[in-house]
Amino acid sequence: MAVCLQVVGLLLGVVSWCLQSSCTSSQVWKVRSQAESVSSSQWTFEGLWMSCAATSLGSVQCSRFKTVLGLPAHLQACRALMIISLLLGLASIVVSVLGLKCTKIGRTSDQVKDQIALSGGVMFILSGVFTLTAVSWYAARVIQDFYDPLYGGVRFELGTGLYLGWAASSLALLGGSMLCCSCRRKNSPPPVSVYYYSYYLYSFNYYYDYFNSKYYNH
């Protein structure tokens, strides 16, 4: 059962890392609202790295953000969170593979492999939390600007990149939790010395009561 949990958790982690990569490179984190656009045949969308404009004829023009320090603080934070999430996800995949019960590396004991798998699961969970924080923060800013009556800029709506991030974070949290659950501690049997000590103590008390009863009866 533990092996199945580890394998499924690792597969979910790999899929989540692929979705995180797609989410980070996606340019559709927010899409210009059709209520704000002059023509319905043109679309404007932005991601973490560039903004793009597309037409109904299929032409797409993208331009990278020319500055880093001039970007909004939440955009810079989301970039950093997604990069950290990708690095953690990649490291957790490697660590989890080394901690699987079905893999053999030298003379590594089962306890050490459980600790390695547990570390991989925790790293998967942290990766999912970072991704969830980034996409939720970005979505909150988009929604806030959309409903703000005093906002003078272009109004955007949520893009598909955010939904990829939410799916990736959910899979990472689920896969990490399964890896952690597969490494729960088992109750170790009592030491042999404690067993014999209890046995001799019981025998001593039994014979002591027996001889006392015989002595007082006579």
N, C-alpha and C. Protein backbone atom coordinates (compact mmCIF):
# COMPACT_ATOMS: atom_id res chain seq x y z
N MET A 1 0.83 -1.20 0.00
CA MET A 1 0.00 0.00 0.00
C MET A 1 0.87 1.26 0.00
N ALA A 2 1.94 1.24 0.80
CA ALA A 2 2.82 2.40 0.88
C ALA A 2 3.51 2.65 -0.46
N VAL A 3 3.88 1.58 -1.16
CA VAL A 3 4.54 1.73 -2.45
C VAL A 3 3.60 2.38 -3.46
N CYS A 4 2.34 1.97 -3.45
CA CYS A 4 1.36 2.56 -4.37
C CYS A 4 1.15 4.03 -4.08
N LEU A 5 1.07 4.39 -2.80
CA LEU A 5 0.93 5.79 -2.44
C LEU A 5 2.12 6.62 -2.92
N GLN A 6 3.31 6.07 -2.76
CA GLN A 6 4.50 6.79 -3.18
C GLN A 6 4.55 6.98 -4.69
N VAL A 7 4.22 5.93 -5.43
CA VAL A 7 4.28 6.02 -6.88
C VAL A 7 3.23 7.00 -7.40
N VAL A 8 2.01 6.90 -6.89
CA VAL A 8 0.95 7.82 -7.32
C VAL A 8 1.29 9.26 -6.93
N GLY A 9 1.81 9.44 -5.71
CA GLY A 9 2.19 10.77 -5.28
C GLY A 9 3.28 11.37 -6.16
N LEU A 10 4.26 10.54 -6.54
CA LEU A 10 5.33 11.01 -7.41
C LEU A 10 4.79 11.38 -8.80
N LEU A 11 3.90 10.56 -9.34
CA LEU A 11 3.32 10.87 -10.65
C LEU A 11 2.53 12.18 -10.62
N LEU A 12 1.76 12.37 -9.55
CA LEU A 12 1.03 13.64 -9.42
C LEU A 12 1.99 14.82 -9.31
N GLY A 13 3.10 14.61 -8.61
CA GLY A 13 4.09 15.68 -8.50
C GLY A 13 4.72 16.02 -9.84
N VAL A 14 5.00 15.01 -10.65
CA VAL A 14 5.59 15.26 -11.97
C VAL A 14 4.61 16.02 -12.86
N VAL A 15 3.33 15.60 -12.83
CA VAL A 15 2.32 16.31 -13.63
C VAL A 15 2.16 17.75 -13.15
N SER A 16 2.20 17.94 -11.84
CA SER A 16 2.07 19.30 -11.30
C SER A 16 3.25 20.17 -11.72
N TRP A 17 4.46 19.60 -11.76
CA TRP A 17 5.62 20.38 -12.19
C TRP A 17 5.49 20.78 -13.66
N CYS A 18 4.98 19.88 -14.49
CA CYS A 18 4.76 20.22 -15.90
C CYS A 18 3.74 21.35 -16.04
N LEU A 19 2.67 21.30 -15.25
CA LEU A 19 1.67 22.37 -15.28
C LEU A 19 2.24 23.68 -14.74
N GLN A 20 3.10 23.60 -13.74
CA GLN A 20 3.74 24.80 -13.23
C GLN A 20 4.63 25.45 -14.30
N SER A 21 5.33 24.63 -15.06
CA SER A 21 6.15 25.16 -16.14
C SER A 21 5.30 25.85 -17.20
N SER A 22 4.18 25.20 -17.56
CA SER A 22 3.28 25.82 -18.54
C SER A 22 2.67 27.10 -18.01
N CYS A 23 2.35 27.10 -16.72
CA CYS A 23 1.77 28.29 -16.11
C CYS A 23 2.76 29.44 -16.08
N THR A 24 4.02 29.14 -15.74
CA THR A 24 5.03 30.19 -15.65
C THR A 24 5.32 30.81 -17.01
N SER A 25 5.37 30.00 -18.04
CA SER A 25 5.67 30.51 -19.39
C SER A 25 4.44 31.02 -20.12
N SER A 26 3.26 30.82 -19.57
CA SER A 26 2.03 31.26 -20.23
C SER A 26 1.95 32.79 -20.28
N GLN A 27 1.43 33.31 -21.37
CA GLN A 27 1.24 34.75 -21.53
C GLN A 27 -0.22 35.15 -21.37
N VAL A 28 -1.03 34.25 -20.82
CA VAL A 28 -2.47 34.52 -20.71
C VAL A 28 -2.86 34.47 -19.23
N TRP A 29 -2.15 35.23 -18.41
CA TRP A 29 -2.54 35.33 -17.01
C TRP A 29 -3.73 36.26 -16.84
N LYS A 30 -3.84 37.23 -17.71
CA LYS A 30 -5.02 38.09 -17.70
C LYS A 30 -5.32 38.51 -19.12
N VAL A 31 -6.61 38.63 -19.43
CA VAL A 31 -7.09 38.96 -20.78
C VAL A 31 -7.92 40.23 -20.69
N ARG A 32 -7.74 41.10 -21.66
CA ARG A 32 -8.48 42.34 -21.66
C ARG A 32 -9.97 42.06 -21.79
N SER A 33 -10.75 42.71 -20.94
CA SER A 33 -12.19 42.50 -20.92
C SER A 33 -12.80 42.97 -22.24
N GLN A 34 -13.76 42.18 -22.76
CA GLN A 34 -14.42 42.54 -24.01
C GLN A 34 -15.28 43.79 -23.84
N ALA A 35 -15.69 44.07 -22.62
CA ALA A 35 -16.45 45.28 -22.37
C ALA A 35 -15.60 46.54 -22.53
N GLU A 36 -14.26 46.38 -22.39
CA GLU A 36 -13.35 47.51 -22.50
C GLU A 36 -12.75 47.65 -23.89
N SER A 37 -12.79 46.59 -24.68
CA SER A 37 -12.15 46.62 -25.99
C SER A 37 -13.05 47.32 -27.01
N VAL A 38 -12.42 48.04 -27.93
CA VAL A 38 -13.18 48.75 -28.95
C VAL A 38 -13.70 47.79 -30.00
N SER A 39 -12.90 46.82 -30.37
CA SER A 39 -13.28 45.86 -31.39
C SER A 39 -13.21 44.45 -30.81
N SER A 40 -14.20 43.64 -31.15
CA SER A 40 -14.22 42.26 -30.65
C SER A 40 -13.28 41.34 -31.41
N SER A 41 -12.67 41.86 -32.48
CA SER A 41 -11.74 41.05 -33.27
C SER A 41 -10.30 41.19 -32.80
N GLN A 42 -10.07 41.93 -31.74
CA GLN A 42 -8.74 42.11 -31.19
C GLN A 42 -8.73 41.71 -29.72
N TRP A 43 -7.64 41.05 -29.31
CA TRP A 43 -7.50 40.61 -27.93
C TRP A 43 -6.15 41.06 -27.41
N THR A 44 -6.15 41.44 -26.18
CA THR A 44 -4.92 41.82 -25.49
C THR A 44 -4.79 40.98 -24.23
N PHE A 45 -3.64 40.38 -24.04
CA PHE A 45 -3.44 39.54 -22.86
C PHE A 45 -2.00 39.70 -22.39
N GLU A 46 -1.80 39.42 -21.12
CA GLU A 46 -0.50 39.59 -20.49
C GLU A 46 -0.18 38.39 -19.63
N GLY A 47 1.14 38.18 -19.44
CA GLY A 47 1.63 37.15 -18.54
C GLY A 47 2.64 37.75 -17.58
N LEU A 48 3.52 36.91 -17.09
CA LEU A 48 4.55 37.38 -16.17
C LEU A 48 5.72 38.04 -16.88
N TRP A 49 5.87 37.75 -18.18
CA TRP A 49 7.10 38.19 -18.85
C TRP A 49 6.84 39.13 -20.01
N MET A 50 5.65 39.12 -20.60
CA MET A 50 5.38 39.96 -21.75
C MET A 50 3.88 40.18 -21.93
N SER A 51 3.56 41.14 -22.76
CA SER A 51 2.16 41.42 -23.12
C SER A 51 2.01 41.18 -24.61
N CYS A 52 0.85 40.69 -25.02
CA CYS A 52 0.62 40.31 -26.41
C CYS A 52 -0.71 40.89 -26.89
N ALA A 53 -0.79 41.05 -28.21
CA ALA A 53 -2.02 41.49 -28.87
C ALA A 53 -2.26 40.56 -30.05
N ALA A 54 -3.49 40.08 -30.18
CA ALA A 54 -3.84 39.15 -31.24
C ALA A 54 -5.06 39.66 -31.98
N THR A 55 -5.16 39.28 -33.25
CA THR A 55 -6.30 39.65 -34.08
C THR A 55 -7.01 38.39 -34.55
N SER A 56 -8.17 38.58 -35.12
CA SER A 56 -8.95 37.44 -35.61
C SER A 56 -8.30 36.78 -36.83
N LEU A 57 -7.37 37.46 -37.48
CA LEU A 57 -6.66 36.89 -38.63
C LEU A 57 -5.57 35.93 -38.21
N GLY A 58 -5.26 35.87 -36.93
CA GLY A 58 -4.26 34.94 -36.43
C GLY A 58 -2.92 35.55 -36.15
N SER A 59 -2.74 36.81 -36.38
CA SER A 59 -1.46 37.45 -36.11
C SER A 59 -1.36 37.80 -34.63
N VAL A 60 -0.22 37.52 -34.06
CA VAL A 60 0.03 37.78 -32.64
C VAL A 60 1.34 38.55 -32.53
N GLN A 61 1.30 39.64 -31.82
CA GLN A 61 2.49 40.44 -31.57
C GLN A 61 2.70 40.54 -30.06
N CYS A 62 3.89 40.17 -29.63
CA CYS A 62 4.21 40.19 -28.20
C CYS A 62 5.42 41.09 -27.96
N SER A 63 5.44 41.73 -26.84
CA SER A 63 6.57 42.59 -26.45
C SER A 63 6.90 42.32 -24.99
N ARG A 64 8.17 42.11 -24.75
CA ARG A 64 8.62 41.86 -23.38
C ARG A 64 8.56 43.13 -22.56
N PHE A 65 8.38 42.95 -21.27
CA PHE A 65 8.44 44.10 -20.38
C PHE A 65 9.86 44.63 -20.37
N LYS A 66 10.02 45.90 -20.69
CA LYS A 66 11.35 46.47 -20.89
C LYS A 66 12.09 46.75 -19.59
N THR A 67 11.39 46.77 -18.49
CA THR A 67 12.03 47.09 -17.21
C THR A 67 11.60 46.07 -16.16
N VAL A 68 12.43 45.94 -15.17
CA VAL A 68 12.11 45.06 -14.04
C VAL A 68 11.73 45.87 -12.82
N LEU A 69 12.50 46.90 -12.56
CA LEU A 69 12.25 47.72 -11.39
C LEU A 69 10.97 48.54 -11.53
N GLY A 70 10.57 48.80 -12.76
CA GLY A 70 9.36 49.58 -12.98
C GLY A 70 8.08 48.77 -12.96
N LEU A 71 8.19 47.47 -12.84
CA LEU A 71 7.00 46.61 -12.81
C LEU A 71 6.30 46.70 -11.45
N PRO A 72 5.01 46.41 -11.40
CA PRO A 72 4.32 46.38 -10.10
C PRO A 72 4.95 45.37 -9.14
N ALA A 73 4.83 45.64 -7.86
CA ALA A 73 5.47 44.78 -6.85
C ALA A 73 4.88 43.37 -6.87
N HIS A 74 3.56 43.27 -7.08
CA HIS A 74 2.95 41.94 -7.06
C HIS A 74 3.42 41.10 -8.25
N LEU A 75 3.71 41.75 -9.39
CA LEU A 75 4.19 41.00 -10.55
C LEU A 75 5.60 40.46 -10.31
N GLN A 76 6.46 41.26 -9.71
CA GLN A 76 7.81 40.79 -9.39
C GLN A 76 7.76 39.67 -8.36
N ALA A 77 6.88 39.79 -7.37
CA ALA A 77 6.76 38.74 -6.36
C ALA A 77 6.24 37.45 -6.97
N CYS A 78 5.29 37.54 -7.89
CA CYS A 78 4.75 36.33 -8.54
C CYS A 78 5.83 35.65 -9.39
N ARG A 79 6.66 36.44 -10.04
CA ARG A 79 7.77 35.85 -10.79
C ARG A 79 8.69 35.05 -9.87
N ALA A 80 9.06 35.68 -8.76
CA ALA A 80 9.98 35.00 -7.83
C ALA A 80 9.34 33.75 -7.26
N LEU A 81 8.07 33.81 -6.90
CA LEU A 81 7.38 32.65 -6.32
C LEU A 81 7.30 31.49 -7.31
N MET A 82 7.02 31.79 -8.56
CA MET A 82 6.91 30.72 -9.56
C MET A 82 8.28 30.10 -9.85
N ILE A 83 9.33 30.89 -9.88
CA ILE A 83 10.67 30.34 -10.11
C ILE A 83 11.08 29.45 -8.94
N ILE A 84 10.83 29.92 -7.72
CA ILE A 84 11.15 29.10 -6.54
C ILE A 84 10.32 27.82 -6.54
N SER A 85 9.07 27.92 -6.95
CA SER A 85 8.21 26.74 -7.01
C SER A 85 8.73 25.72 -8.00
N LEU A 86 9.22 26.18 -9.16
CA LEU A 86 9.76 25.25 -10.15
C LEU A 86 11.03 24.57 -9.64
N LEU A 87 11.89 25.33 -9.01
CA LEU A 87 13.12 24.74 -8.47
C LEU A 87 12.82 23.72 -7.37
N LEU A 88 11.88 24.06 -6.49
CA LEU A 88 11.49 23.12 -5.43
C LEU A 88 10.84 21.86 -6.01
N GLY A 89 10.00 22.06 -7.03
CA GLY A 89 9.35 20.91 -7.65
C GLY A 89 10.35 19.97 -8.31
N LEU A 90 11.34 20.53 -8.99
CA LEU A 90 12.35 19.68 -9.63
C LEU A 90 13.18 18.94 -8.59
N ALA A 91 13.56 19.63 -7.52
CA ALA A 91 14.33 18.97 -6.46
C ALA A 91 13.51 17.90 -5.77
N SER A 92 12.22 18.17 -5.56
CA SER A 92 11.37 17.19 -4.88
C SER A 92 11.17 15.93 -5.73
N ILE A 93 11.16 16.08 -7.05
CA ILE A 93 11.05 14.89 -7.91
C ILE A 93 12.27 14.00 -7.75
N VAL A 94 13.45 14.61 -7.77
CA VAL A 94 14.67 13.82 -7.61
C VAL A 94 14.73 13.15 -6.24
N VAL A 95 14.40 13.91 -5.19
CA VAL A 95 14.44 13.35 -3.84
C VAL A 95 13.42 12.24 -3.67
N SER A 96 12.23 12.42 -4.22
CA SER A 96 11.18 11.41 -4.08
C SER A 96 11.55 10.11 -4.79
N VAL A 97 12.19 10.23 -5.95
CA VAL A 97 12.62 9.02 -6.66
C VAL A 97 13.63 8.25 -5.83
N LEU A 98 14.55 8.96 -5.18
CA LEU A 98 15.54 8.28 -4.34
C LEU A 98 14.91 7.65 -3.10
N GLY A 99 13.77 8.17 -2.66
CA GLY A 99 13.14 7.65 -1.45
C GLY A 99 12.07 6.61 -1.68
N LEU A 100 11.81 6.22 -2.92
CA LEU A 100 10.80 5.20 -3.17
C LEU A 100 11.24 3.86 -2.61
N LYS A 101 10.27 3.12 -2.10
CA LYS A 101 10.57 1.80 -1.56
C LYS A 101 10.96 0.81 -2.65
N CYS A 102 10.53 1.06 -3.88
CA CYS A 102 10.83 0.14 -4.97
C CYS A 102 12.17 0.43 -5.64
N THR A 103 12.88 1.44 -5.19
CA THR A 103 14.21 1.73 -5.72
C THR A 103 15.26 1.32 -4.70
N LYS A 104 16.37 0.84 -5.18
CA LYS A 104 17.45 0.38 -4.31
C LYS A 104 18.71 1.17 -4.62
N ILE A 105 19.25 1.81 -3.58
CA ILE A 105 20.47 2.60 -3.72
C ILE A 105 21.44 2.13 -2.63
N GLY A 106 22.39 1.32 -3.02
CA GLY A 106 23.37 0.82 -2.06
C GLY A 106 22.71 0.00 -0.96
N ARG A 107 23.08 0.31 0.28
CA ARG A 107 22.54 -0.38 1.45
C ARG A 107 21.69 0.55 2.30
N THR A 108 20.96 1.43 1.66
CA THR A 108 20.11 2.38 2.38
C THR A 108 18.99 1.63 3.09
N SER A 109 18.82 1.89 4.37
CA SER A 109 17.79 1.22 5.15
C SER A 109 16.42 1.80 4.82
N ASP A 110 15.38 1.05 5.24
CA ASP A 110 14.01 1.51 4.99
C ASP A 110 13.69 2.78 5.74
N GLN A 111 14.23 2.94 6.93
CA GLN A 111 13.97 4.16 7.70
C GLN A 111 14.55 5.38 7.00
N VAL A 112 15.74 5.25 6.47
CA VAL A 112 16.37 6.38 5.76
C VAL A 112 15.58 6.70 4.49
N LYS A 113 15.14 5.66 3.77
CA LYS A 113 14.35 5.89 2.56
C LYS A 113 13.03 6.56 2.89
N ASP A 114 12.42 6.21 4.01
CA ASP A 114 11.18 6.87 4.43
C ASP A 114 11.41 8.35 4.72
N GLN A 115 12.53 8.65 5.35
CA GLN A 115 12.84 10.05 5.63
C GLN A 115 13.09 10.83 4.34
N ILE A 116 13.74 10.19 3.37
CA ILE A 116 13.98 10.85 2.09
C ILE A 116 12.66 11.10 1.37
N ALA A 117 11.77 10.10 1.35
CA ALA A 117 10.47 10.28 0.71
C ALA A 117 9.64 11.34 1.42
N LEU A 118 9.74 11.38 2.74
CA LEU A 118 9.02 12.41 3.50
C LEU A 118 9.53 13.80 3.14
N SER A 119 10.84 13.94 2.97
CA SER A 119 11.40 15.23 2.57
C SER A 119 10.90 15.64 1.19
N GLY A 120 10.83 14.67 0.27
CA GLY A 120 10.29 14.97 -1.05
C GLY A 120 8.84 15.40 -1.00
N GLY A 121 8.04 14.75 -0.14
CA GLY A 121 6.64 15.14 -0.01
C GLY A 121 6.48 16.55 0.55
N VAL A 122 7.29 16.89 1.53
CA VAL A 122 7.23 18.23 2.11
C VAL A 122 7.63 19.28 1.07
N MET A 123 8.62 18.96 0.27
CA MET A 123 9.04 19.91 -0.78
C MET A 123 7.96 20.06 -1.85
N PHE A 124 7.26 19.00 -2.17
CA PHE A 124 6.13 19.10 -3.10
C PHE A 124 5.05 20.03 -2.53
N ILE A 125 4.75 19.88 -1.25
CA ILE A 125 3.74 20.72 -0.62
C ILE A 125 4.16 22.18 -0.64
N LEU A 126 5.42 22.45 -0.33
CA LEU A 126 5.91 23.84 -0.37
C LEU A 126 5.83 24.40 -1.79
N SER A 127 6.16 23.59 -2.78
CA SER A 127 6.07 24.04 -4.16
C SER A 127 4.63 24.40 -4.52
N GLY A 128 3.68 23.56 -4.09
CA GLY A 128 2.28 23.85 -4.35
C GLY A 128 1.80 25.10 -3.64
N VAL A 129 2.28 25.32 -2.43
CA VAL A 129 1.88 26.52 -1.67
C VAL A 129 2.41 27.78 -2.36
N PHE A 130 3.64 27.74 -2.86
CA PHE A 130 4.19 28.90 -3.55
C PHE A 130 3.42 29.21 -4.83
N THR A 131 3.09 28.16 -5.59
CA THR A 131 2.31 28.37 -6.81
C THR A 131 0.92 28.92 -6.49
N LEU A 132 0.29 28.35 -5.49
CA LEU A 132 -1.04 28.81 -5.10
C LEU A 132 -1.01 30.27 -4.64
N THR A 133 0.02 30.65 -3.92
CA THR A 133 0.15 32.03 -3.47
C THR A 133 0.31 32.99 -4.65
N ALA A 134 1.14 32.59 -5.62
CA ALA A 134 1.40 33.47 -6.77
C ALA A 134 0.14 33.69 -7.60
N VAL A 135 -0.53 32.62 -7.99
CA VAL A 135 -1.69 32.77 -8.87
C VAL A 135 -2.86 33.43 -8.13
N SER A 136 -3.03 33.12 -6.86
CA SER A 136 -4.13 33.73 -6.10
C SER A 136 -3.88 35.23 -5.90
N TRP A 137 -2.65 35.60 -5.64
CA TRP A 137 -2.30 37.02 -5.47
C TRP A 137 -2.54 37.79 -6.77
N TYR A 138 -2.09 37.20 -7.87
CA TYR A 138 -2.27 37.84 -9.17
C TYR A 138 -3.75 37.97 -9.51
N ALA A 139 -4.52 36.90 -9.27
CA ALA A 139 -5.96 36.95 -9.55
C ALA A 139 -6.67 37.97 -8.68
N ALA A 140 -6.25 38.09 -7.43
CA ALA A 140 -6.87 39.07 -6.54
C ALA A 140 -6.65 40.49 -7.05
N ARG A 141 -5.46 40.79 -7.58
CA ARG A 141 -5.19 42.11 -8.11
C ARG A 141 -6.01 42.39 -9.37
N VAL A 142 -6.16 41.38 -10.23
CA VAL A 142 -6.97 41.55 -11.44
C VAL A 142 -8.42 41.83 -11.08
N ILE A 143 -8.96 41.07 -10.13
CA ILE A 143 -10.35 41.27 -9.72
C ILE A 143 -10.53 42.62 -9.04
N GLN A 144 -9.56 43.01 -8.23
CA GLN A 144 -9.65 44.30 -7.54
C GLN A 144 -9.66 45.46 -8.53
N ASP A 145 -8.78 45.41 -9.53
CA ASP A 145 -8.74 46.48 -10.53
C ASP A 145 -9.99 46.49 -11.40
N PHE A 146 -10.57 45.30 -11.63
CA PHE A 146 -11.76 45.23 -12.49
C PHE A 146 -12.96 45.90 -11.83
N TYR A 147 -13.12 45.69 -10.53
CA TYR A 147 -14.29 46.22 -9.83
C TYR A 147 -14.03 47.59 -9.18
N ASP A 148 -12.82 48.10 -9.31
CA ASP A 148 -12.52 49.40 -8.71
C ASP A 148 -13.07 50.52 -9.60
N PRO A 149 -14.04 51.32 -9.12
CA PRO A 149 -14.60 52.39 -9.97
C PRO A 149 -13.61 53.52 -10.23
N LEU A 150 -12.58 53.66 -9.42
CA LEU A 150 -11.61 54.73 -9.59
C LEU A 150 -10.41 54.31 -10.42
N TYR A 151 -10.39 53.07 -10.87
CA TYR A 151 -9.26 52.57 -11.65
C TYR A 151 -9.34 53.15 -13.05
N GLY A 152 -8.26 53.81 -13.50
CA GLY A 152 -8.27 54.47 -14.80
C GLY A 152 -7.60 53.70 -15.91
N GLY A 153 -7.04 52.55 -15.62
CA GLY A 153 -6.35 51.77 -16.64
C GLY A 153 -7.28 50.82 -17.37
N VAL A 154 -6.66 49.95 -18.16
CA VAL A 154 -7.42 48.94 -18.91
C VAL A 154 -7.86 47.83 -17.96
N ARG A 155 -9.09 47.41 -18.07
CA ARG A 155 -9.63 46.36 -17.20
C ARG A 155 -9.41 45.00 -17.86
N PHE A 156 -8.91 44.08 -17.04
CA PHE A 156 -8.63 42.73 -17.52
C PHE A 156 -9.49 41.73 -16.74
N GLU A 157 -9.54 40.51 -17.29
CA GLU A 157 -10.21 39.38 -16.64
C GLU A 157 -9.21 38.24 -16.48
N LEU A 158 -9.62 37.22 -15.74
CA LEU A 158 -8.73 36.10 -15.45
C LEU A 158 -8.45 35.30 -16.71
N GLY A 159 -7.17 34.91 -16.87
CA GLY A 159 -6.77 34.13 -18.03
C GLY A 159 -6.56 32.66 -17.70
N THR A 160 -6.29 31.88 -18.74
CA THR A 160 -6.14 30.44 -18.57
C THR A 160 -4.87 30.08 -17.79
N GLY A 161 -3.87 30.96 -17.81
CA GLY A 161 -2.65 30.67 -17.07
C GLY A 161 -2.89 30.54 -15.58
N LEU A 162 -3.82 31.31 -15.05
CA LEU A 162 -4.14 31.22 -13.62
C LEU A 162 -4.79 29.88 -13.28
N TYR A 163 -5.65 29.40 -14.17
CA TYR A 163 -6.31 28.11 -13.92
C TYR A 163 -5.29 26.96 -13.99
N LEU A 164 -4.30 27.10 -14.87
CA LEU A 164 -3.22 26.11 -14.88
C LEU A 164 -2.47 26.10 -13.56
N GLY A 165 -2.23 27.29 -13.01
CA GLY A 165 -1.53 27.38 -11.73
C GLY A 165 -2.33 26.77 -10.59
N TRP A 166 -3.64 27.01 -10.58
CA TRP A 166 -4.47 26.41 -9.53
C TRP A 166 -4.50 24.89 -9.64
N ALA A 167 -4.57 24.38 -10.87
CA ALA A 167 -4.55 22.93 -11.05
C ALA A 167 -3.20 22.35 -10.62
N ALA A 168 -2.11 23.03 -10.96
CA ALA A 168 -0.78 22.56 -10.60
C ALA A 168 -0.58 22.55 -9.09
N SER A 169 -1.03 23.59 -8.42
CA SER A 169 -0.88 23.64 -6.96
C SER A 169 -1.70 22.55 -6.28
N SER A 170 -2.89 22.28 -6.80
CA SER A 170 -3.73 21.22 -6.20
C SER A 170 -3.07 19.86 -6.33
N LEU A 171 -2.52 19.57 -7.51
CA LEU A 171 -1.85 18.28 -7.72
C LEU A 171 -0.59 18.16 -6.87
N ALA A 172 0.15 19.28 -6.74
CA ALA A 172 1.36 19.24 -5.92
C ALA A 172 1.03 18.99 -4.46
N LEU A 173 -0.01 19.64 -3.96
CA LEU A 173 -0.40 19.42 -2.56
C LEU A 173 -0.89 18.00 -2.34
N LEU A 174 -1.66 17.48 -3.31
CA LEU A 174 -2.16 16.12 -3.18
C LEU A 174 -1.04 15.10 -3.25
N GLY A 175 -0.13 15.26 -4.23
CA GLY A 175 0.98 14.33 -4.36
C GLY A 175 1.91 14.36 -3.16
N GLY A 176 2.21 15.57 -2.65
CA GLY A 176 3.04 15.66 -1.46
C GLY A 176 2.40 15.05 -0.24
N SER A 177 1.10 15.22 -0.10
CA SER A 177 0.39 14.63 1.04
C SER A 177 0.42 13.11 0.98
N MET A 178 0.29 12.56 -0.22
CA MET A 178 0.34 11.10 -0.36
C MET A 178 1.72 10.57 -0.03
N LEU A 179 2.77 11.28 -0.43
CA LEU A 179 4.12 10.85 -0.07
C LEU A 179 4.34 10.90 1.43
N CYS A 180 3.83 11.94 2.07
CA CYS A 180 3.98 12.04 3.53
C CYS A 180 3.19 10.96 4.25
N CYS A 181 1.99 10.66 3.75
CA CYS A 181 1.18 9.63 4.41
C CYS A 181 1.77 8.24 4.25
N SER A 182 2.51 8.02 3.18
CA SER A 182 3.12 6.70 2.98
C SER A 182 4.29 6.45 3.92
N CYS A 183 4.76 7.48 4.60
CA CYS A 183 5.93 7.35 5.48
C CYS A 183 5.55 7.49 6.94
N ARG A 184 4.32 7.18 7.30
CA ARG A 184 3.94 7.29 8.70
C ARG A 184 4.65 6.23 9.51
N ARG A 185 4.91 6.59 10.74
CA ARG A 185 5.70 5.70 11.60
C ARG A 185 4.89 4.49 12.03
N LYS A 186 5.58 3.37 12.12
CA LYS A 186 4.98 2.15 12.61
C LYS A 186 5.40 1.92 14.05
N ASN A 187 4.49 1.35 14.80
CA ASN A 187 4.80 1.06 16.21
C ASN A 187 5.85 -0.04 16.29
N SER A 188 7.00 0.28 16.82
CA SER A 188 8.08 -0.69 16.92
C SER A 188 7.83 -1.65 18.08
N PRO A 189 8.19 -2.92 17.95
CA PRO A 189 7.98 -3.88 19.04
C PRO A 189 8.85 -3.54 20.22
N PRO A 190 8.44 -3.91 21.43
CA PRO A 190 9.24 -3.61 22.62
C PRO A 190 10.57 -4.33 22.58
N PRO A 191 11.60 -3.77 23.16
CA PRO A 191 12.91 -4.43 23.17
C PRO A 191 12.85 -5.79 23.86
N VAL A 192 13.80 -6.64 23.47
CA VAL A 192 13.82 -7.99 24.03
C VAL A 192 14.13 -7.95 25.52
N SER A 193 15.00 -7.04 25.95
CA SER A 193 15.37 -6.97 27.36
C SER A 193 14.17 -6.61 28.23
N VAL A 194 13.32 -5.73 27.71
CA VAL A 194 12.13 -5.36 28.47
C VAL A 194 11.19 -6.55 28.61
N TYR A 195 11.10 -7.37 27.56
CA TYR A 195 10.24 -8.53 27.60
C TYR A 195 10.73 -9.52 28.66
N TYR A 196 12.01 -9.83 28.66
CA TYR A 196 12.53 -10.77 29.64
C TYR A 196 12.47 -10.21 31.05
N TYR A 197 12.68 -8.92 31.19
CA TYR A 197 12.57 -8.33 32.52
C TYR A 197 11.16 -8.47 33.06
N SER A 198 10.15 -8.24 32.21
CA SER A 198 8.76 -8.40 32.65
C SER A 198 8.46 -9.85 32.99
N TYR A 199 9.03 -10.79 32.21
CA TYR A 199 8.79 -12.20 32.46
C TYR A 199 9.39 -12.65 33.79
N TYR A 200 10.63 -12.26 34.05
CA TYR A 200 11.27 -12.64 35.32
C TYR A 200 10.61 -11.97 36.51
N LEU A 201 10.15 -10.74 36.35
CA LEU A 201 9.47 -10.06 37.44
C LEU A 201 8.15 -10.75 37.76
N TYR A 202 7.45 -11.18 36.72
CA TYR A 202 6.19 -11.89 36.95
C TYR A 202 6.45 -13.23 37.63
N SER A 203 7.48 -13.96 37.19
CA SER A 203 7.80 -15.26 37.80
C SER A 203 8.21 -15.09 39.26
N PHE A 204 9.00 -14.07 39.55
CA PHE A 204 9.42 -13.84 40.93
C PHE A 204 8.23 -13.55 41.83
N ASN A 205 7.33 -12.71 41.38
CA ASN A 205 6.15 -12.39 42.19
C ASN A 205 5.27 -13.62 42.39
N TYR A 206 5.19 -14.45 41.39
CA TYR A 206 4.34 -15.63 41.49
C TYR A 206 4.90 -16.60 42.54
N TYR A 207 6.19 -16.91 42.43
CA TYR A 207 6.78 -17.84 43.40
C TYR A 207 6.87 -17.23 44.79
N TYR A 208 7.05 -15.95 44.89
CA TYR A 208 7.09 -15.31 46.20
C TYR A 208 5.75 -15.42 46.91
N ASP A 209 4.67 -15.19 46.17
CA ASP A 209 3.33 -15.33 46.76
C ASP A 209 3.05 -16.79 47.10
N TYR A 210 3.55 -17.70 46.27
CA TYR A 210 3.29 -19.12 46.51
C TYR A 210 3.98 -19.58 47.79
N PHE A 211 5.25 -19.25 47.98
CA PHE A 211 5.97 -19.68 49.18
C PHE A 211 5.43 -18.98 50.44
N ASN A 212 5.01 -17.76 50.32
CA ASN A 212 4.43 -17.07 51.46
C ASN A 212 3.13 -17.73 51.89
N SER A 213 2.34 -18.10 50.93
CA SER A 213 1.07 -18.76 51.27
C SER A 213 1.33 -20.12 51.91
N LYS A 214 2.32 -20.86 51.45
CA LYS A 214 2.64 -22.16 52.05
C LYS A 214 3.19 -21.99 53.45
N TYR A 215 3.99 -20.97 53.67
CA TYR A 215 4.61 -20.75 54.98
C TYR A 215 3.57 -20.37 56.00
N TYR A 216 2.70 -19.46 55.67
CA TYR A 216 1.69 -19.02 56.63
C TYR A 216 0.61 -20.06 56.86
N ASN A 217 0.37 -20.91 55.91
CA ASN A 217 -0.64 -21.97 56.11
C ASN A 217 -0.13 -23.01 57.08
N HIS A 218 1.22 -23.20 57.16
CA HIS A 218 1.76 -24.17 58.10
C HIS A 218 2.05 -23.53 59.46
